[in-house]
Amino acid sequence: MNRRAGILTAIVVAAVITVCGFIHAYRQYIANTPAIEPDENLYPVRGIDISAHNGYIDFSRVKSAGYDFAIIKATEGTDFKDAMFVDNLRRARAAGMKVGAYHFFRFDTDGELQAINLLHSLRNRSLDFPVVIDIERFGNPDGHEASMIITRLRTLLSHIESEGLQVILYSNKDDYDRYLKGNFSGYPLWICSFTEPEPELDWSMWQYSHRGKIDGAEGKVDLNTIKTEFYRSL
């Protein structure tokens, strides 16, 4: 019995070491993989998206560094409000940047209640971008059917649009295929992709890095570009 227990323990320890090694190697690979830099001739307009997690941002320095817009987290789910949303919005606009707001969509809560939470934080504040809804599995619980997620998202969008607001949908390529493709084709798409988006993907905004280092922000920030014709239409 003791021998079997010893073998089992050895197997578990070996498995843990293997998993930890894989995680370390993956993190090293991600950390050392050069970030793509979109062609400035094709995509000259750059911007950031932030939340309270990014801490204090000196938007005047960010603007001087060549970033023209900031998309700022407002809410998440039915009751979370980003503590720095109003201050970030005010200071980014004062620095001469175009501003927008985003809501992190929760898979496990009612769509209409999420819309109410978002609208309460916006309170008719002036924005330069349509309201962004962030749809991704990362940060969401497992165990929710795609059909239910899509239904809740439709409810959220219907409620927001009934208030006269326009919407941009944000997602990564996998979750775009899983939830948005063929279901929400009428909305502008903000795609997260660390490689050049596929030519057949009809996107308006592109988040190309989670590891940006820019003057005016401590730590890493998300970097974005936008198609010129879409930017001019705002």
C-alpha atoms as a PDB file:
ATOM      1  CA  MET A   1       0.000   0.000   0.000  1.00  0.00           C
ATOM      2  CA  ASN A   2       2.838   2.393   0.910  1.00  0.00           C
ATOM      3  CA  ARG A   3       4.596   1.576  -2.356  1.00  0.00           C
ATOM      4  CA  ARG A   4       1.487   2.411  -4.364  1.00  0.00           C
ATOM      5  CA  ALA A   5       1.078   5.672  -2.426  1.00  0.00           C
ATOM      6  CA  GLY A   6       4.687   6.562  -3.115  1.00  0.00           C
ATOM      7  CA  ILE A   7       4.282   5.922  -6.833  1.00  0.00           C
ATOM      8  CA  LEU A   8       1.110   8.021  -6.911  1.00  0.00           C
ATOM      9  CA  THR A   9       2.850  10.848  -5.071  1.00  0.00           C
ATOM     10  CA  ALA A  10       5.753  10.722  -7.515  1.00  0.00           C
ATOM     11  CA  ILE A  11       3.351  10.881 -10.470  1.00  0.00           C
ATOM     12  CA  VAL A  12       1.516  13.872  -8.982  1.00  0.00           C
ATOM     13  CA  VAL A  13       4.781  15.710  -8.246  1.00  0.00           C
ATOM     14  CA  ALA A  14       6.042  15.027 -11.770  1.00  0.00           C
ATOM     15  CA  ALA A  15       2.774  16.291 -13.238  1.00  0.00           C
ATOM     16  CA  VAL A  16       2.911  19.475 -11.161  1.00  0.00           C
ATOM     17  CA  ILE A  17       6.516  20.108 -12.206  1.00  0.00           C
ATOM     18  CA  THR A  18       5.596  19.548 -15.864  1.00  0.00           C
ATOM     19  CA  VAL A  19       2.633  21.936 -15.686  1.00  0.00           C
ATOM     20  CA  CYS A  20       4.659  24.594 -13.862  1.00  0.00           C
ATOM     21  CA  GLY A  21       7.409  24.257 -16.428  1.00  0.00           C
ATOM     22  CA  PHE A  22       4.934  24.649 -19.256  1.00  0.00           C
ATOM     23  CA  ILE A  23       3.388  27.740 -17.658  1.00  0.00           C
ATOM     24  CA  HIS A  24       6.833  29.288 -17.115  1.00  0.00           C
ATOM     25  CA  ALA A  25       7.892  28.539 -20.690  1.00  0.00           C
ATOM     26  CA  TYR A  26       4.631  29.946 -22.048  1.00  0.00           C
ATOM     27  CA  ARG A  27       4.986  33.139 -20.027  1.00  0.00           C
ATOM     28  CA  GLN A  28       8.575  33.519 -21.179  1.00  0.00           C
ATOM     29  CA  TYR A  29       7.480  33.001 -24.774  1.00  0.00           C
ATOM     30  CA  ILE A  30       4.713  35.617 -24.457  1.00  0.00           C
ATOM     31  CA  ALA A  31       6.995  38.049 -22.646  1.00  0.00           C
ATOM     32  CA  ASN A  32       9.737  37.750 -25.235  1.00  0.00           C
ATOM     33  CA  THR A  33       7.640  37.579 -28.390  1.00  0.00           C
ATOM     34  CA  PRO A  34       8.030  40.895 -30.203  1.00  0.00           C
ATOM     35  CA  ALA A  35       4.776  42.861 -30.346  1.00  0.00           C
ATOM     36  CA  ILE A  36       3.470  43.567 -33.815  1.00  0.00           C
ATOM     37  CA  GLU A  37       3.582  47.195 -34.909  1.00  0.00           C
ATOM     38  CA  PRO A  38       0.911  48.050 -37.491  1.00  0.00           C
ATOM     39  CA  ASP A  39       2.079  49.903 -40.583  1.00  0.00           C
ATOM     40  CA  GLU A  40       1.753  53.613 -39.778  1.00  0.00           C
ATOM     41  CA  ASN A  41       1.164  54.411 -43.433  1.00  0.00           C
ATOM     42  CA  LEU A  42      -1.944  52.216 -43.376  1.00  0.00           C
ATOM     43  CA  TYR A  43      -3.010  52.871 -39.778  1.00  0.00           C
ATOM     44  CA  PRO A  44      -1.683  56.239 -38.593  1.00  0.00           C
ATOM     45  CA  VAL A  45      -4.194  56.750 -35.754  1.00  0.00           C
ATOM     46  CA  ARG A  46      -3.275  55.148 -32.420  1.00  0.00           C
ATOM     47  CA  GLY A  47      -5.015  54.925 -29.063  1.00  0.00           C
ATOM     48  CA  ILE A  48      -5.157  53.161 -25.717  1.00  0.00           C
ATOM     49  CA  ASP A  49      -7.815  51.409 -23.676  1.00  0.00           C
ATOM     50  CA  ILE A  50      -7.589  51.505 -19.900  1.00  0.00           C
ATOM     51  CA  SER A  51      -9.312  50.853 -16.599  1.00  0.00           C
ATOM     52  CA  ALA A  52      -8.604  51.642 -12.956  1.00  0.00           C
ATOM     53  CA  HIS A  53      -6.206  48.688 -13.098  1.00  0.00           C
ATOM     54  CA  ASN A  54      -3.783  50.891 -15.064  1.00  0.00           C
ATOM     55  CA  GLY A  55      -3.545  53.428 -12.247  1.00  0.00           C
ATOM     56  CA  TYR A  56      -3.023  57.137 -12.827  1.00  0.00           C
ATOM     57  CA  ILE A  57      -2.533  58.085 -16.486  1.00  0.00           C
ATOM     58  CA  ASP A  58      -0.954  61.385 -17.518  1.00  0.00           C
ATOM     59  CA  PHE A  59      -3.063  61.878 -20.637  1.00  0.00           C
ATOM     60  CA  SER A  60      -1.216  65.011 -21.720  1.00  0.00           C
ATOM     61  CA  ARG A  61       1.987  62.992 -22.025  1.00  0.00           C
ATOM     62  CA  VAL A  62       0.115  60.139 -23.715  1.00  0.00           C
ATOM     63  CA  LYS A  63      -1.288  62.595 -26.248  1.00  0.00           C
ATOM     64  CA  SER A  64       2.157  64.102 -26.825  1.00  0.00           C
ATOM     65  CA  ALA A  65       3.510  60.591 -27.415  1.00  0.00           C
ATOM     66  CA  GLY A  66       1.220  60.308 -30.436  1.00  0.00           C
ATOM     67  CA  TYR A  67      -1.908  58.606 -29.092  1.00  0.00           C
ATOM     68  CA  ASP A  68      -5.139  60.212 -30.196  1.00  0.00           C
ATOM     69  CA  PHE A  69      -7.883  58.377 -28.329  1.00  0.00           C
ATOM     70  CA  ALA A  70      -8.643  56.582 -25.065  1.00  0.00           C
ATOM     71  CA  ILE A  71     -11.372  53.988 -24.534  1.00  0.00           C
ATOM     72  CA  ILE A  72     -12.085  53.876 -20.799  1.00  0.00           C
ATOM     73  CA  LYS A  73     -13.733  51.162 -18.731  1.00  0.00           C
ATOM     74  CA  ALA A  74     -17.050  52.258 -17.263  1.00  0.00           C
ATOM     75  CA  THR A  75     -18.769  49.139 -15.949  1.00  0.00           C
ATOM     76  CA  GLU A  76     -18.861  45.356 -15.715  1.00  0.00           C
ATOM     77  CA  GLY A  77     -21.830  43.080 -15.245  1.00  0.00           C
ATOM     78  CA  THR A  78     -24.867  44.333 -13.361  1.00  0.00           C
ATOM     79  CA  ASP A  79     -23.259  46.235 -10.497  1.00  0.00           C
ATOM     80  CA  PHE A  80     -19.532  46.937 -10.967  1.00  0.00           C
ATOM     81  CA  LYS A  81     -18.520  50.526 -11.757  1.00  0.00           C
ATOM     82  CA  ASP A  82     -14.918  51.403 -12.517  1.00  0.00           C
ATOM     83  CA  ALA A  83     -13.693  53.732  -9.785  1.00  0.00           C
ATOM     84  CA  MET A  84     -11.647  55.921 -12.160  1.00  0.00           C
ATOM     85  CA  PHE A  85     -14.043  56.110 -15.102  1.00  0.00           C
ATOM     86  CA  VAL A  86     -15.277  59.667 -14.589  1.00  0.00           C
ATOM     87  CA  ASP A  87     -11.835  61.069 -13.730  1.00  0.00           C
ATOM     88  CA  ASN A  88     -10.143  59.272 -16.629  1.00  0.00           C
ATOM     89  CA  LEU A  89     -12.818  60.471 -19.031  1.00  0.00           C
ATOM     90  CA  ARG A  90     -12.536  64.075 -17.883  1.00  0.00           C
ATOM     91  CA  ARG A  91      -8.733  64.230 -17.954  1.00  0.00           C
ATOM     92  CA  ALA A  92      -8.382  62.443 -21.296  1.00  0.00           C
ATOM     93  CA  ARG A  93     -10.781  64.887 -22.926  1.00  0.00           C
ATOM     94  CA  ALA A  94      -8.984  67.829 -21.296  1.00  0.00           C
ATOM     95  CA  ALA A  95      -5.750  66.555 -22.857  1.00  0.00           C
ATOM     96  CA  GLY A  96      -7.332  66.773 -26.307  1.00  0.00           C
ATOM     97  CA  MET A  97      -7.929  63.061 -26.839  1.00  0.00           C
ATOM     98  CA  LYS A  98     -11.073  61.542 -28.303  1.00  0.00           C
ATOM     99  CA  VAL A  99     -12.792  59.429 -25.652  1.00  0.00           C
ATOM    100  CA  GLY A 100     -15.012  56.386 -25.458  1.00  0.00           C
ATOM    101  CA  ALA A 101     -16.369  54.042 -22.797  1.00  0.00           C
ATOM    102  CA  TYR A 102     -16.557  50.270 -22.560  1.00  0.00           C
ATOM    103  CA  HIS A 103     -18.567  47.718 -20.606  1.00  0.00           C
ATOM    104  CA  PHE A 104     -17.228  44.243 -19.804  1.00  0.00           C
ATOM    105  CA  PHE A 105     -20.038  41.834 -20.638  1.00  0.00           C
ATOM    106  CA  ARG A 106     -20.679  39.117 -18.061  1.00  0.00           C
ATOM    107  CA  PHE A 107     -21.922  35.764 -19.319  1.00  0.00           C
ATOM    108  CA  ASP A 108     -23.637  34.896 -16.030  1.00  0.00           C
ATOM    109  CA  THR A 109     -25.930  37.890 -15.474  1.00  0.00           C
ATOM    110  CA  ASP A 110     -29.021  39.411 -17.062  1.00  0.00           C
ATOM    111  CA  GLY A 111     -28.451  41.500 -20.196  1.00  0.00           C
ATOM    112  CA  GLU A 112     -30.978  44.209 -19.396  1.00  0.00           C
ATOM    113  CA  LEU A 113     -29.597  44.731 -15.891  1.00  0.00           C
ATOM    114  CA  GLN A 114     -26.100  45.050 -17.360  1.00  0.00           C
ATOM    115  CA  ALA A 115     -27.387  47.694 -19.763  1.00  0.00           C
ATOM    116  CA  ILE A 116     -28.994  49.599 -16.882  1.00  0.00           C
ATOM    117  CA  ASN A 117     -25.701  49.551 -14.972  1.00  0.00           C
ATOM    118  CA  LEU A 118     -23.821  50.898 -17.993  1.00  0.00           C
ATOM    119  CA  LEU A 119     -26.371  53.600 -18.802  1.00  0.00           C
ATOM    120  CA  HIS A 120     -26.367  54.752 -15.178  1.00  0.00           C
ATOM    121  CA  SER A 121     -22.600  55.327 -15.341  1.00  0.00           C
ATOM    122  CA  LEU A 122     -22.741  57.063 -18.709  1.00  0.00           C
ATOM    123  CA  ARG A 123     -25.541  59.442 -17.620  1.00  0.00           C
ATOM    124  CA  ASN A 124     -25.595  61.177 -20.998  1.00  0.00           C
ATOM    125  CA  ARG A 125     -21.879  61.972 -20.821  1.00  0.00           C
ATOM    126  CA  SER A 126     -20.438  63.146 -24.112  1.00  0.00           C
ATOM    127  CA  LEU A 127     -18.458  60.441 -25.938  1.00  0.00           C
ATOM    128  CA  ASP A 128     -16.655  60.505 -29.282  1.00  0.00           C
ATOM    129  CA  PHE A 129     -17.046  56.770 -29.909  1.00  0.00           C
ATOM    130  CA  PRO A 130     -20.035  54.473 -29.871  1.00  0.00           C
ATOM    131  CA  VAL A 131     -20.309  52.564 -26.598  1.00  0.00           C
ATOM    132  CA  VAL A 132     -18.061  49.482 -26.597  1.00  0.00           C
ATOM    133  CA  ILE A 133     -19.235  46.098 -25.323  1.00  0.00           C
ATOM    134  CA  ASP A 134     -16.355  43.748 -24.479  1.00  0.00           C
ATOM    135  CA  ILE A 135     -17.273  40.089 -25.161  1.00  0.00           C
ATOM    136  CA  GLU A 136     -14.681  37.473 -24.227  1.00  0.00           C
ATOM    137  CA  ARG A 137     -14.398  34.252 -22.246  1.00  0.00           C
ATOM    138  CA  PHE A 138     -11.308  35.433 -20.344  1.00  0.00           C
ATOM    139  CA  GLY A 139     -12.601  36.820 -17.046  1.00  0.00           C
ATOM    140  CA  ASN A 140     -15.937  35.037 -17.398  1.00  0.00           C
ATOM    141  CA  PRO A 141     -17.073  31.808 -15.700  1.00  0.00           C
ATOM    142  CA  ASP A 142     -17.316  28.553 -17.608  1.00  0.00           C
ATOM    143  CA  GLY A 143     -20.497  26.556 -18.023  1.00  0.00           C
ATOM    144  CA  HIS A 144     -22.685  28.953 -20.021  1.00  0.00           C
ATOM    145  CA  GLU A 145     -24.068  27.873 -23.359  1.00  0.00           C
ATOM    146  CA  ALA A 146     -23.252  30.065 -26.361  1.00  0.00           C
ATOM    147  CA  SER A 147     -26.971  30.384 -27.130  1.00  0.00           C
ATOM    148  CA  MET A 148     -27.654  31.847 -23.679  1.00  0.00           C
ATOM    149  CA  ILE A 149     -24.716  34.257 -23.958  1.00  0.00           C
ATOM    150  CA  ILE A 150     -25.934  35.440 -27.351  1.00  0.00           C
ATOM    151  CA  THR A 151     -29.473  35.923 -26.028  1.00  0.00           C
ATOM    152  CA  ARG A 152     -28.242  37.977 -23.068  1.00  0.00           C
ATOM    153  CA  LEU A 153     -26.043  40.051 -25.354  1.00  0.00           C
ATOM    154  CA  ARG A 154     -28.960  40.740 -27.695  1.00  0.00           C
ATOM    155  CA  THR A 155     -31.010  41.905 -24.711  1.00  0.00           C
ATOM    156  CA  LEU A 156     -28.239  44.235 -23.554  1.00  0.00           C
ATOM    157  CA  LEU A 157     -27.805  45.726 -27.014  1.00  0.00           C
ATOM    158  CA  SER A 158     -31.534  46.194 -27.520  1.00  0.00           C
ATOM    159  CA  HIS A 159     -31.833  48.101 -24.258  1.00  0.00           C
ATOM    160  CA  ILE A 160     -28.829  50.323 -25.000  1.00  0.00           C
ATOM    161  CA  GLU A 161     -29.988  51.092 -28.526  1.00  0.00           C
ATOM    162  CA  SER A 162     -33.482  51.934 -27.273  1.00  0.00           C
ATOM    163  CA  GLU A 163     -31.758  54.860 -25.527  1.00  0.00           C
ATOM    164  CA  GLY A 164     -30.374  56.097 -28.844  1.00  0.00           C
ATOM    165  CA  LEU A 165     -26.785  54.896 -28.359  1.00  0.00           C
ATOM    166  CA  GLN A 166     -24.634  53.264 -31.020  1.00  0.00           C
ATOM    167  CA  VAL A 167     -22.424  50.275 -30.213  1.00  0.00           C
ATOM    168  CA  ILE A 168     -19.047  48.758 -31.095  1.00  0.00           C
ATOM    169  CA  LEU A 169     -18.422  45.090 -30.252  1.00  0.00           C
ATOM    170  CA  TYR A 170     -14.976  44.101 -28.960  1.00  0.00           C
ATOM    171  CA  SER A 171     -13.684  40.525 -28.969  1.00  0.00           C
ATOM    172  CA  ASN A 172     -10.729  38.301 -29.807  1.00  0.00           C
ATOM    173  CA  LYS A 173     -10.702  36.079 -32.883  1.00  0.00           C
ATOM    174  CA  ASP A 174     -11.798  32.886 -31.120  1.00  0.00           C
ATOM    175  CA  ASP A 175     -14.694  34.481 -29.281  1.00  0.00           C
ATOM    176  CA  TYR A 176     -15.698  36.428 -32.372  1.00  0.00           C
ATOM    177  CA  ASP A 177     -16.119  33.094 -34.149  1.00  0.00           C
ATOM    178  CA  ARG A 178     -17.869  31.594 -31.125  1.00  0.00           C
ATOM    179  CA  TYR A 179     -20.400  34.345 -30.325  1.00  0.00           C
ATOM    180  CA  LEU A 180     -20.447  37.208 -32.833  1.00  0.00           C
ATOM    181  CA  LYS A 181     -19.875  35.822 -36.309  1.00  0.00           C
ATOM    182  CA  GLY A 182     -23.173  35.462 -38.130  1.00  0.00           C
ATOM    183  CA  ASN A 183     -25.111  36.861 -35.164  1.00  0.00           C
ATOM    184  CA  PHE A 184     -24.091  40.517 -34.881  1.00  0.00           C
ATOM    185  CA  SER A 185     -22.761  41.400 -38.316  1.00  0.00           C
ATOM    186  CA  GLY A 186     -24.382  44.847 -38.328  1.00  0.00           C
ATOM    187  CA  TYR A 187     -22.067  46.227 -35.641  1.00  0.00           C
ATOM    188  CA  PRO A 188     -18.583  47.713 -36.023  1.00  0.00           C
ATOM    189  CA  LEU A 189     -15.979  45.224 -34.781  1.00  0.00           C
ATOM    190  CA  TRP A 190     -13.017  45.995 -32.538  1.00  0.00           C
ATOM    191  CA  ILE A 191     -10.800  42.940 -32.857  1.00  0.00           C
ATOM    192  CA  CYS A 192      -8.049  41.846 -30.481  1.00  0.00           C
ATOM    193  CA  SER A 193      -5.304  40.158 -32.491  1.00  0.00           C
ATOM    194  CA  PHE A 194      -1.560  39.989 -31.977  1.00  0.00           C
ATOM    195  CA  THR A 195      -1.069  39.196 -35.641  1.00  0.00           C
ATOM    196  CA  GLU A 196      -2.415  41.031 -38.680  1.00  0.00           C
ATOM    197  CA  PRO A 197      -6.193  40.377 -38.796  1.00  0.00           C
ATOM    198  CA  GLU A 198      -7.303  38.142 -41.654  1.00  0.00           C
ATOM    199  CA  PRO A 199      -8.266  40.113 -44.785  1.00  0.00           C
ATOM    200  CA  GLU A 200     -11.797  38.689 -44.746  1.00  0.00           C
ATOM    201  CA  LEU A 201     -12.425  39.972 -41.215  1.00  0.00           C
ATOM    202  CA  ASP A 202     -14.394  43.218 -41.436  1.00  0.00           C
ATOM    203  CA  TRP A 203     -12.960  45.177 -38.503  1.00  0.00           C
ATOM    204  CA  SER A 204     -13.036  48.882 -37.640  1.00  0.00           C
ATOM    205  CA  MET A 205     -10.626  48.926 -34.674  1.00  0.00           C
ATOM    206  CA  TRP A 206      -7.669  46.679 -33.909  1.00  0.00           C
ATOM    207  CA  GLN A 207      -6.128  46.028 -30.492  1.00  0.00           C
ATOM    208  CA  TYR A 208      -2.650  44.829 -31.397  1.00  0.00           C
ATOM    209  CA  SER A 209      -0.868  44.684 -28.038  1.00  0.00           C
ATOM    210  CA  HIS A 210      -1.488  44.152 -24.316  1.00  0.00           C
ATOM    211  CA  ARG A 211       2.117  45.064 -23.521  1.00  0.00           C
ATOM    212  CA  GLY A 212       2.461  48.663 -24.635  1.00  0.00           C
ATOM    213  CA  LYS A 213       4.970  50.916 -22.889  1.00  0.00           C
ATOM    214  CA  ILE A 214       4.197  54.576 -23.456  1.00  0.00           C
ATOM    215  CA  ASP A 215       5.104  57.882 -21.900  1.00  0.00           C
ATOM    216  CA  GLY A 216       2.489  58.953 -19.355  1.00  0.00           C
ATOM    217  CA  ALA A 217       1.492  55.463 -18.210  1.00  0.00           C
ATOM    218  CA  GLU A 218       3.218  53.224 -15.713  1.00  0.00           C
ATOM    219  CA  GLY A 219       3.220  49.540 -16.518  1.00  0.00           C
ATOM    220  CA  LYS A 220       1.770  47.908 -19.618  1.00  0.00           C
ATOM    221  CA  VAL A 221      -1.221  49.260 -21.507  1.00  0.00           C
ATOM    222  CA  ASP A 222      -3.355  48.014 -24.386  1.00  0.00           C
ATOM    223  CA  LEU A 223      -2.512  49.593 -27.736  1.00  0.00           C
ATOM    224  CA  ASN A 224      -4.927  50.059 -30.605  1.00  0.00           C
ATOM    225  CA  THR A 225      -5.298  51.438 -34.067  1.00  0.00           C
ATOM    226  CA  ILE A 226      -8.378  52.284 -36.099  1.00  0.00           C
ATOM    227  CA  LYS A 227      -9.219  52.408 -39.763  1.00  0.00           C
ATOM    228  CA  THR A 228      -8.899  55.984 -40.932  1.00  0.00           C
ATOM    229  CA  GLU A 229     -12.280  56.097 -42.640  1.00  0.00           C
ATOM    230  CA  PHE A 230     -14.005  54.848 -39.485  1.00  0.00           C
ATOM    231  CA  TYR A 231     -12.150  57.366 -37.323  1.00  0.00           C
ATOM    232  CA  ARG A 232     -13.175  60.201 -39.630  1.00  0.00           C
ATOM    233  CA  SER A 233     -16.807  59.092 -39.426  1.00  0.00           C
ATOM    234  CA  LEU A 234     -16.954  59.500 -35.653  1.00  0.00           C
END
